Protein backbone atom coordinates (compact mmCIF):
# COMPACT_ATOMS: atom_id res chain seq x y z
CA UNK A 1 80.69 102.84 89.25
CA UNK A 2 78.75 100.20 91.20
CA UNK A 3 79.10 100.46 94.96
CA UNK A 4 81.55 97.79 96.20
CA UNK A 5 79.83 95.13 98.27
CA UNK A 6 81.93 95.80 101.35
CA UNK A 7 80.59 99.37 101.44
CA UNK A 8 76.94 98.30 101.44
CA UNK A 9 74.79 96.99 104.27
CA UNK A 10 76.41 94.68 106.78
CA UNK A 11 79.87 96.10 106.21
CA UNK A 12 82.05 94.92 109.15
CA UNK A 13 84.20 98.05 108.69
CA UNK A 14 81.33 100.53 108.93
CA UNK A 15 83.03 102.40 111.79
CA UNK A 16 86.53 102.21 110.34
CA UNK A 17 88.05 105.67 109.93
CA UNK A 18 91.02 104.35 107.96
CA UNK A 19 93.53 105.00 110.74
CA UNK A 20 96.72 102.95 111.00
CA UNK A 21 96.07 100.01 113.30
CA UNK A 22 98.21 100.10 116.50
CA UNK A 23 99.75 96.64 116.00
CA UNK A 24 100.89 97.55 112.49
CA UNK A 25 102.19 100.93 113.65
CA UNK A 26 104.39 99.12 116.17
CA UNK A 27 105.57 96.63 113.55
CA UNK A 28 106.66 99.44 111.22
CA UNK A 29 109.19 100.71 113.77
CA UNK A 30 110.59 97.30 114.71
CA UNK A 31 114.31 96.81 114.03
CA UNK A 32 115.26 95.75 110.50
CA UNK A 33 115.94 92.13 111.47
CA UNK A 34 112.35 91.55 112.62
CA UNK A 35 110.37 94.30 110.87
CA UNK A 36 109.08 92.42 107.80
CA UNK A 37 107.95 89.39 109.78
CA UNK A 38 106.27 91.57 112.41
CA UNK A 39 104.43 93.48 109.67
CA UNK A 40 103.08 90.25 108.18
CA UNK A 41 102.05 88.97 111.62
CA UNK A 42 100.32 92.29 112.45
CA UNK A 43 98.23 92.60 109.29
CA UNK A 44 94.51 92.60 109.96
CA UNK A 45 92.49 95.17 108.04
CA UNK A 46 94.06 96.66 104.92
CA UNK A 47 92.75 99.22 102.45
CA UNK A 48 92.44 98.41 98.76
CA UNK A 49 92.74 101.41 96.43
CA UNK A 50 90.01 101.87 93.87
CA UNK A 51 90.70 104.40 91.12
CA UNK A 52 87.89 106.20 89.27
CA UNK A 53 86.87 104.69 85.95
CA UNK A 54 86.50 106.90 82.92
CA UNK A 55 82.84 107.16 81.92
CA UNK A 56 82.17 105.19 78.69
CA UNK A 57 80.03 108.03 77.29
CA UNK A 58 76.53 108.08 75.83
CA UNK A 59 75.11 107.24 72.42
CA UNK A 60 72.95 109.49 70.23
CA UNK A 61 69.87 108.50 72.26
CA UNK A 62 71.48 109.53 75.52
CA UNK A 63 72.00 105.99 76.76
CA UNK A 64 75.24 104.88 78.38
CA UNK A 65 77.42 103.27 75.74
CA UNK A 66 77.52 99.49 76.13
CA UNK A 67 80.75 98.44 77.78
CA UNK A 68 82.35 95.37 79.27
CA UNK A 69 80.62 94.08 82.37
CA UNK A 70 82.59 94.31 85.59
CA UNK A 71 82.95 91.36 87.92
CA UNK A 72 82.82 92.09 91.63
CA UNK A 73 85.46 90.07 93.45
CA UNK A 74 85.65 88.70 96.96
CA UNK A 75 87.32 91.87 98.23
CA UNK A 76 84.23 93.91 97.38
CA UNK A 77 85.90 95.77 94.51
CA UNK A 78 85.83 95.24 90.76
CA UNK A 79 88.52 93.01 89.25
CA UNK A 80 89.37 95.73 86.73
CA UNK A 81 89.80 98.22 89.58
CA UNK A 82 92.42 96.28 91.49
CA UNK A 83 95.66 98.21 91.29
CA UNK A 84 98.83 96.30 90.49
CA UNK A 85 102.30 97.70 91.17
CA UNK A 86 105.79 96.42 90.33
CA UNK A 87 107.33 93.76 92.56
CA UNK A 88 111.04 92.84 92.64
CA UNK A 89 111.92 90.46 89.83
CA UNK A 90 109.82 92.18 87.19
CA UNK A 91 106.45 90.84 88.36
CA UNK A 92 103.20 92.52 89.36
CA UNK A 93 101.75 92.61 92.85
CA UNK A 94 98.47 93.75 94.37
CA UNK A 95 98.70 97.16 96.02
CA UNK A 96 97.20 97.53 99.50
CA UNK A 97 97.58 100.22 102.14
CA UNK A 98 97.93 100.34 105.89
CA UNK A 99 95.88 103.53 106.32
CA UNK A 100 93.81 106.10 104.50
CA UNK A 101 96.60 108.64 105.03
CA UNK A 102 99.15 106.33 103.36
CA UNK A 103 96.81 105.89 100.40
CA UNK A 104 96.26 109.63 100.15
CA UNK A 105 100.01 110.18 100.01
CA UNK A 106 100.20 107.62 97.20
CA UNK A 107 97.26 108.95 95.17
CA UNK A 108 94.75 111.54 96.44
CA UNK A 109 92.17 110.29 93.92
CA UNK A 110 92.14 106.71 95.20
CA UNK A 111 89.13 105.56 97.21
CA UNK A 112 89.86 103.16 100.10
CA UNK A 113 87.95 99.89 100.37
CA UNK A 114 88.65 98.11 103.69
CA UNK A 115 89.09 94.34 103.66
CA UNK A 116 90.50 91.59 105.85
CA UNK A 117 94.01 90.58 104.86
CA UNK A 118 92.91 86.92 104.72
CA UNK A 119 90.32 87.82 102.09
CA UNK A 120 92.79 89.94 100.13
CA UNK A 121 95.44 87.22 100.21
CA UNK A 122 92.95 84.58 99.03
CA UNK A 123 91.80 86.84 96.20
CA UNK A 124 95.38 87.53 95.18
CA UNK A 125 95.96 83.80 94.83
CA UNK A 126 92.69 83.32 92.94
CA UNK A 127 93.73 85.96 90.44
CA UNK A 128 97.12 84.21 90.08
CA UNK A 129 99.00 87.31 91.23
CA UNK A 130 100.18 85.80 94.49
CA UNK A 131 102.17 88.85 95.59
CA UNK A 132 101.23 91.91 97.65
CA UNK A 133 102.94 95.26 98.16
CA UNK A 134 101.90 97.15 101.27
CA UNK A 135 102.16 100.96 101.01
CA UNK A 136 103.99 101.01 97.64
CA UNK A 137 106.48 103.83 97.22
CA UNK A 138 106.21 105.01 100.84
CA UNK A 139 108.68 104.69 103.74
CA UNK A 140 106.47 101.93 105.17
CA UNK A 141 106.56 99.91 101.93
CA UNK A 142 106.73 96.16 102.56
CA UNK A 143 106.93 93.37 99.98
CA UNK A 144 104.84 90.33 100.85
CA UNK A 145 105.92 87.28 98.86
CA UNK A 146 103.90 84.27 97.84
CA UNK A 147 104.80 82.10 100.85
CA UNK A 148 103.59 84.88 103.18
CA UNK A 149 100.46 85.42 101.06
CA UNK A 150 99.61 81.71 101.30
CA UNK A 151 100.11 81.81 105.07
CA UNK A 152 97.85 84.87 105.37
CA UNK A 153 95.18 83.26 103.19
CA UNK A 154 95.17 80.04 105.20
CA UNK A 155 95.79 81.54 108.65
CA UNK A 156 98.88 79.38 109.09
CA UNK A 157 102.26 80.39 110.53
CA UNK A 158 104.66 81.98 108.06
CA UNK A 159 108.26 80.80 107.95
CA UNK A 160 110.30 83.66 106.57
CA UNK A 161 112.87 82.64 103.92
CA UNK A 162 115.78 83.86 106.04
CA UNK A 163 114.63 81.52 108.82
CA UNK A 164 114.45 78.50 106.52
CA UNK A 165 117.89 76.89 106.68
CA UNK A 166 117.03 74.51 103.86
CA UNK A 167 117.04 77.39 101.36
CA UNK A 168 120.61 78.34 102.24
CA UNK A 169 121.62 74.66 102.29
CA UNK A 170 120.17 74.08 98.81
CA UNK A 171 121.93 77.13 97.41
CA UNK A 172 125.26 76.28 99.03
CA UNK A 173 125.06 72.67 97.82
CA UNK A 174 124.41 73.90 94.29
CA UNK A 175 127.33 76.31 94.43
CA UNK A 176 129.67 73.53 95.51
CA UNK A 177 132.03 75.79 97.40
CA UNK A 178 132.18 78.39 94.65
CA UNK A 179 130.81 80.85 97.22
CA UNK A 180 128.96 80.72 100.54
CA UNK A 181 125.37 81.93 100.92
CA UNK A 182 123.85 83.48 104.03
CA UNK A 183 120.25 84.75 104.10
CA UNK A 184 119.23 87.90 105.96
CA UNK A 185 116.06 90.04 106.02
CA UNK A 186 115.72 93.59 104.77
CA UNK A 187 113.37 96.11 106.34
CA UNK A 188 111.14 96.14 103.25
CA UNK A 189 110.69 92.36 103.22
CA UNK A 190 113.28 91.35 100.64
CA UNK A 191 115.59 88.45 101.39
CA UNK A 192 119.20 89.58 101.26
CA UNK A 193 121.30 86.80 99.76
CA UNK A 194 124.79 87.52 101.05
CA UNK A 195 127.26 85.83 98.75
CA UNK A 196 130.68 85.43 100.33
CA UNK A 197 133.02 85.26 97.34
CA UNK A 198 136.31 85.97 99.13
CA UNK A 199 139.13 87.89 97.51
CA UNK A 200 138.34 87.06 93.89
CA UNK A 201 138.30 89.14 90.74
CA UNK A 202 135.23 91.06 89.65
CA UNK A 203 134.69 88.56 86.82
CA UNK A 204 134.75 85.63 89.26
CA UNK A 205 132.29 87.45 91.53
CA UNK A 206 129.94 87.98 88.58
CA UNK A 207 130.15 84.27 87.75
CA UNK A 208 129.19 83.42 91.34
CA UNK A 209 126.25 85.82 91.18
CA UNK A 210 125.07 84.26 87.91
CA UNK A 211 125.35 80.80 89.46
CA UNK A 212 123.27 81.63 92.53
CA UNK A 213 120.69 83.42 90.35
CA UNK A 214 120.36 80.32 88.19
CA UNK A 215 119.93 78.14 91.27
CA UNK A 216 117.17 80.39 92.60
CA UNK A 217 115.34 80.14 89.28
CA UNK A 218 115.69 76.38 88.81
CA UNK A 219 115.58 74.84 92.29
CA UNK A 220 111.87 74.23 92.90
CA UNK A 221 112.08 74.43 96.70
CA UNK A 222 114.03 77.67 96.65
CA UNK A 223 111.94 79.20 93.86
CA UNK A 224 108.71 78.56 95.78
CA UNK A 225 109.99 80.35 98.89
CA UNK A 226 112.07 83.24 97.61
CA UNK A 227 110.28 86.18 96.00
CA UNK A 228 111.84 89.57 96.65
CA UNK A 229 115.59 89.02 96.59
CA UNK A 230 118.64 91.26 96.87
CA UNK A 231 121.97 89.58 96.05
CA UNK A 232 124.82 91.21 97.95
CA UNK A 233 128.40 89.98 97.29
CA UNK A 234 130.70 90.26 100.32
CA UNK A 235 134.40 89.54 100.71
């Protein structure tokens, strides 16, 4: 496998031992209400996992069998090596890790490639993935939706969905009093859509859930700002 560019001469992470950065360590233990936003704000260096490629083999003359050329991307890895993991809603996201230890817990065979989060976010958008999962499958797992990825790529402030009153207003207007929506954060970065349905039957509650789901899929403003969502009916 070719050596990733970020591991060759001039690597700004030459002295990086893969330890969890202090700011991110503090963000991980922030209370649930602020944790996801603090994690996004604290991201600096992340580690991209590169998994070993199977050798293509050799021909009868002992030469390496011709195989598809690999394109090195801006993160210093190969496009085919970028690991994608499931994201809420049935989509794929780019896997990144907060530390070498977190990556080892995920897969001992993975090799860490350090990169700036701005570079990773920009590359994610270029590849039309637009979503990132930090530390997938671990207690520190955090989902980073498209609006946060864009903010990271452009070094602009991120407005979390649960802090954007227009999203709730758009959903409530669309529901027309059928139910009342309140947005709250989850520790892992999902937006909890609390749907106050009152004392209605289970069937009526399911209708309200279907209505808010349809609104989230068809309202362009809401769709652009909500990624990982958990709908939670409440009385």
